[in-house]
Amino acid sequence: MPVKGWIEVSDLYCKGCELCVHACPQAVMNLDMERLTPKGYHPVHLSAEGCTGCAICALVCPEAALTVYRETPNRALRAAPAAG
């Protein structure tokens, strides 16, 4: 099972600079051209599957507008001894 990640974007801080979009190694982020933040910017969003939660986007964001979450496969299930 691959690692799955997702992001939350703060509309108060995201200014649509696209630094995170260009830094994303999985190329799954884009500006959401259907929405505007209260300050009038198009915020970033995940536009495709494939985020691994690497957090590079959050590291390059000058406004600290991104929170990254990462769900890893359950190691306990893989490490369980075989019955028998």
N, C-alpha and C. Protein backbone atom coordinates (compact mmCIF):
# COMPACT_ATOMS: atom_id res chain seq x y z
N MET A 1 0.84 -1.18 0.00
CA MET A 1 0.00 0.00 0.00
C MET A 1 0.90 1.25 0.00
N PRO A 2 0.73 2.13 -0.97
CA PRO A 2 1.57 3.32 -1.03
C PRO A 2 1.21 4.33 0.05
N VAL A 3 2.15 5.20 0.34
CA VAL A 3 1.92 6.26 1.31
C VAL A 3 0.97 7.28 0.70
N LYS A 4 0.00 7.73 1.49
CA LYS A 4 -0.96 8.71 1.01
C LYS A 4 -0.83 9.98 1.83
N GLY A 5 -0.85 11.11 1.15
CA GLY A 5 -0.78 12.39 1.84
C GLY A 5 -1.86 13.32 1.35
N TRP A 6 -2.07 14.39 2.09
CA TRP A 6 -3.00 15.43 1.67
C TRP A 6 -2.61 16.73 2.36
N ILE A 7 -3.15 17.82 1.88
CA ILE A 7 -2.81 19.13 2.43
C ILE A 7 -4.08 19.87 2.84
N GLU A 8 -3.89 20.78 3.78
CA GLU A 8 -4.89 21.78 4.11
C GLU A 8 -4.26 23.13 3.81
N VAL A 9 -5.02 24.00 3.18
CA VAL A 9 -4.52 25.31 2.79
C VAL A 9 -5.27 26.38 3.57
N SER A 10 -4.53 27.29 4.18
CA SER A 10 -5.14 28.40 4.90
C SER A 10 -5.46 29.51 3.91
N ASP A 11 -6.75 29.78 3.75
CA ASP A 11 -7.16 30.87 2.85
C ASP A 11 -6.72 32.24 3.38
N LEU A 12 -6.42 32.32 4.66
CA LEU A 12 -5.96 33.60 5.22
C LEU A 12 -4.53 33.92 4.80
N TYR A 13 -3.73 32.89 4.52
CA TYR A 13 -2.32 33.11 4.23
C TYR A 13 -1.91 32.83 2.78
N CYS A 14 -2.58 31.91 2.10
CA CYS A 14 -2.18 31.56 0.74
C CYS A 14 -2.38 32.75 -0.20
N LYS A 15 -1.31 33.11 -0.91
CA LYS A 15 -1.36 34.22 -1.85
C LYS A 15 -1.19 33.78 -3.30
N GLY A 16 -1.30 32.48 -3.53
CA GLY A 16 -1.26 31.97 -4.90
C GLY A 16 0.07 32.19 -5.60
N CYS A 17 1.17 32.17 -4.88
CA CYS A 17 2.48 32.45 -5.47
C CYS A 17 3.00 31.29 -6.33
N GLU A 18 2.45 30.10 -6.15
CA GLU A 18 2.79 28.89 -6.89
C GLU A 18 4.17 28.31 -6.58
N LEU A 19 4.85 28.78 -5.56
CA LEU A 19 6.13 28.17 -5.20
C LEU A 19 5.95 26.69 -4.85
N CYS A 20 4.88 26.39 -4.15
CA CYS A 20 4.61 25.00 -3.77
C CYS A 20 4.27 24.15 -4.98
N VAL A 21 3.55 24.73 -5.93
CA VAL A 21 3.17 24.01 -7.15
C VAL A 21 4.42 23.57 -7.90
N HIS A 22 5.39 24.47 -8.04
CA HIS A 22 6.61 24.16 -8.77
C HIS A 22 7.55 23.24 -7.99
N ALA A 23 7.43 23.24 -6.66
CA ALA A 23 8.31 22.41 -5.83
C ALA A 23 7.80 20.98 -5.66
N CYS A 24 6.54 20.74 -5.95
CA CYS A 24 5.93 19.43 -5.71
C CYS A 24 6.52 18.37 -6.64
N PRO A 25 7.23 17.37 -6.08
CA PRO A 25 7.84 16.35 -6.92
C PRO A 25 6.82 15.43 -7.61
N GLN A 26 5.61 15.35 -7.06
CA GLN A 26 4.59 14.51 -7.67
C GLN A 26 3.72 15.28 -8.68
N ALA A 27 3.89 16.58 -8.75
CA ALA A 27 3.15 17.45 -9.67
C ALA A 27 1.64 17.25 -9.54
N VAL A 28 1.14 17.31 -8.29
CA VAL A 28 -0.28 17.10 -8.05
C VAL A 28 -0.98 18.36 -7.51
N MET A 29 -0.30 19.50 -7.56
CA MET A 29 -0.87 20.74 -7.04
C MET A 29 -1.04 21.77 -8.15
N ASN A 30 -2.09 22.55 -8.04
CA ASN A 30 -2.35 23.66 -8.95
C ASN A 30 -3.13 24.73 -8.21
N LEU A 31 -3.23 25.91 -8.81
CA LEU A 31 -4.09 26.94 -8.25
C LEU A 31 -5.53 26.57 -8.56
N ASP A 32 -6.40 26.84 -7.61
CA ASP A 32 -7.83 26.59 -7.79
C ASP A 32 -8.44 27.83 -8.42
N MET A 33 -8.60 27.80 -9.73
CA MET A 33 -9.09 28.96 -10.46
C MET A 33 -10.60 29.17 -10.29
N GLU A 34 -11.25 28.26 -9.58
CA GLU A 34 -12.69 28.38 -9.31
C GLU A 34 -12.98 29.13 -8.01
N ARG A 35 -11.94 29.36 -7.20
CA ARG A 35 -12.13 29.98 -5.89
C ARG A 35 -11.22 31.18 -5.71
N LEU A 36 -11.64 32.07 -4.83
CA LEU A 36 -10.81 33.20 -4.40
C LEU A 36 -10.78 33.21 -2.88
N THR A 37 -9.63 33.56 -2.33
CA THR A 37 -9.53 33.73 -0.88
C THR A 37 -10.15 35.07 -0.50
N PRO A 38 -10.36 35.32 0.79
CA PRO A 38 -10.89 36.63 1.20
C PRO A 38 -10.03 37.81 0.74
N LYS A 39 -8.75 37.54 0.49
CA LYS A 39 -7.85 38.61 0.02
C LYS A 39 -7.79 38.70 -1.50
N GLY A 40 -8.53 37.83 -2.20
CA GLY A 40 -8.61 37.91 -3.65
C GLY A 40 -7.62 37.09 -4.43
N TYR A 41 -7.00 36.10 -3.79
CA TYR A 41 -6.04 35.23 -4.47
C TYR A 41 -6.68 33.88 -4.80
N HIS A 42 -6.19 33.24 -5.84
CA HIS A 42 -6.59 31.87 -6.14
C HIS A 42 -5.69 30.97 -5.28
N PRO A 43 -6.28 30.19 -4.36
CA PRO A 43 -5.46 29.35 -3.49
C PRO A 43 -5.02 28.07 -4.19
N VAL A 44 -4.01 27.46 -3.65
CA VAL A 44 -3.52 26.19 -4.17
C VAL A 44 -4.43 25.06 -3.67
N HIS A 45 -4.46 23.96 -4.41
CA HIS A 45 -5.20 22.78 -3.98
C HIS A 45 -4.58 21.55 -4.65
N LEU A 46 -4.92 20.38 -4.14
CA LEU A 46 -4.49 19.14 -4.78
C LEU A 46 -5.38 18.93 -5.99
N SER A 47 -4.78 18.82 -7.15
CA SER A 47 -5.56 18.68 -8.38
C SER A 47 -5.54 17.26 -8.93
N ALA A 48 -4.79 16.37 -8.28
CA ALA A 48 -4.70 14.99 -8.75
C ALA A 48 -4.32 14.08 -7.58
N GLU A 49 -4.54 12.80 -7.76
CA GLU A 49 -4.10 11.80 -6.78
C GLU A 49 -2.58 11.67 -6.84
N GLY A 50 -1.99 11.24 -5.76
CA GLY A 50 -0.56 10.96 -5.79
C GLY A 50 0.26 11.70 -4.76
N CYS A 51 -0.38 12.54 -3.93
CA CYS A 51 0.36 13.23 -2.87
C CYS A 51 0.89 12.19 -1.89
N THR A 52 2.17 12.29 -1.55
CA THR A 52 2.77 11.36 -0.60
C THR A 52 2.99 11.99 0.77
N GLY A 53 2.65 13.25 0.91
CA GLY A 53 2.84 13.93 2.19
C GLY A 53 4.31 14.24 2.47
N CYS A 54 5.09 14.46 1.43
CA CYS A 54 6.53 14.72 1.61
C CYS A 54 6.80 16.06 2.29
N ALA A 55 5.85 16.99 2.23
CA ALA A 55 5.91 18.30 2.89
C ALA A 55 6.87 19.30 2.26
N ILE A 56 7.37 19.02 1.08
CA ILE A 56 8.23 19.99 0.41
C ILE A 56 7.45 21.27 0.14
N CYS A 57 6.18 21.14 -0.20
CA CYS A 57 5.34 22.32 -0.46
C CYS A 57 5.29 23.23 0.77
N ALA A 58 5.12 22.64 1.93
CA ALA A 58 5.04 23.43 3.16
C ALA A 58 6.37 24.09 3.49
N LEU A 59 7.46 23.43 3.16
CA LEU A 59 8.78 23.99 3.44
C LEU A 59 9.09 25.22 2.58
N VAL A 60 8.61 25.23 1.35
CA VAL A 60 8.92 26.36 0.46
C VAL A 60 7.90 27.48 0.56
N CYS A 61 6.78 27.26 1.23
CA CYS A 61 5.74 28.28 1.33
C CYS A 61 6.19 29.44 2.21
N PRO A 62 6.33 30.65 1.64
CA PRO A 62 6.80 31.78 2.43
C PRO A 62 5.78 32.28 3.45
N GLU A 63 4.53 31.90 3.28
CA GLU A 63 3.47 32.35 4.18
C GLU A 63 3.04 31.30 5.21
N ALA A 64 3.66 30.12 5.18
CA ALA A 64 3.29 29.01 6.06
C ALA A 64 1.80 28.71 5.96
N ALA A 65 1.29 28.68 4.73
CA ALA A 65 -0.14 28.50 4.49
C ALA A 65 -0.56 27.04 4.37
N LEU A 66 0.40 26.13 4.34
CA LEU A 66 0.08 24.72 4.11
C LEU A 66 0.33 23.87 5.35
N THR A 67 -0.60 22.97 5.60
CA THR A 67 -0.41 21.93 6.60
C THR A 67 -0.47 20.61 5.85
N VAL A 68 0.53 19.77 6.05
CA VAL A 68 0.62 18.51 5.31
C VAL A 68 0.36 17.35 6.26
N TYR A 69 -0.42 16.40 5.78
CA TYR A 69 -0.74 15.20 6.54
C TYR A 69 -0.25 13.99 5.74
N ARG A 70 0.13 12.96 6.48
CA ARG A 70 0.66 11.76 5.84
C ARG A 70 0.12 10.52 6.55
N GLU A 71 -0.45 9.64 5.77
CA GLU A 71 -0.98 8.38 6.29
C GLU A 71 -0.09 7.26 5.78
N THR A 72 0.55 6.56 6.68
CA THR A 72 1.44 5.47 6.26
C THR A 72 0.71 4.14 6.44
N PRO A 73 1.12 3.15 5.67
CA PRO A 73 0.50 1.83 5.83
C PRO A 73 0.68 1.33 7.25
N ASN A 74 -0.27 0.56 7.73
CA ASN A 74 -0.22 0.03 9.08
C ASN A 74 0.88 -1.02 9.19
N ARG A 75 1.95 -0.66 9.87
CA ARG A 75 3.10 -1.57 10.00
C ARG A 75 2.74 -2.81 10.82
N ALA A 76 1.81 -2.68 11.74
CA ALA A 76 1.45 -3.82 12.58
C ALA A 76 0.85 -4.94 11.73
N LEU A 77 0.10 -4.59 10.72
CA LEU A 77 -0.50 -5.62 9.86
C LEU A 77 0.56 -6.36 9.07
N ARG A 78 1.58 -5.63 8.60
CA ARG A 78 2.64 -6.27 7.82
C ARG A 78 3.57 -7.08 8.70
N ALA A 79 3.72 -6.69 9.96
CA ALA A 79 4.67 -7.34 10.83
C ALA A 79 4.06 -8.52 11.59
N ALA A 80 2.77 -8.73 11.47
CA ALA A 80 2.12 -9.81 12.21
C ALA A 80 2.65 -11.17 11.71
N PRO A 81 3.01 -12.05 12.65
CA PRO A 81 3.50 -13.37 12.26
C PRO A 81 2.39 -14.20 11.63
N ALA A 82 2.76 -15.03 10.72
CA ALA A 82 1.79 -15.91 10.04
C ALA A 82 1.31 -16.98 11.03
N ALA A 83 0.03 -17.20 11.01
CA ALA A 83 -0.56 -18.23 11.90
C ALA A 83 -0.24 -19.61 11.33
N GLY A 84 0.04 -20.50 12.19
CA GLY A 84 0.25 -21.83 11.65
C GLY A 84 1.16 -22.60 12.44
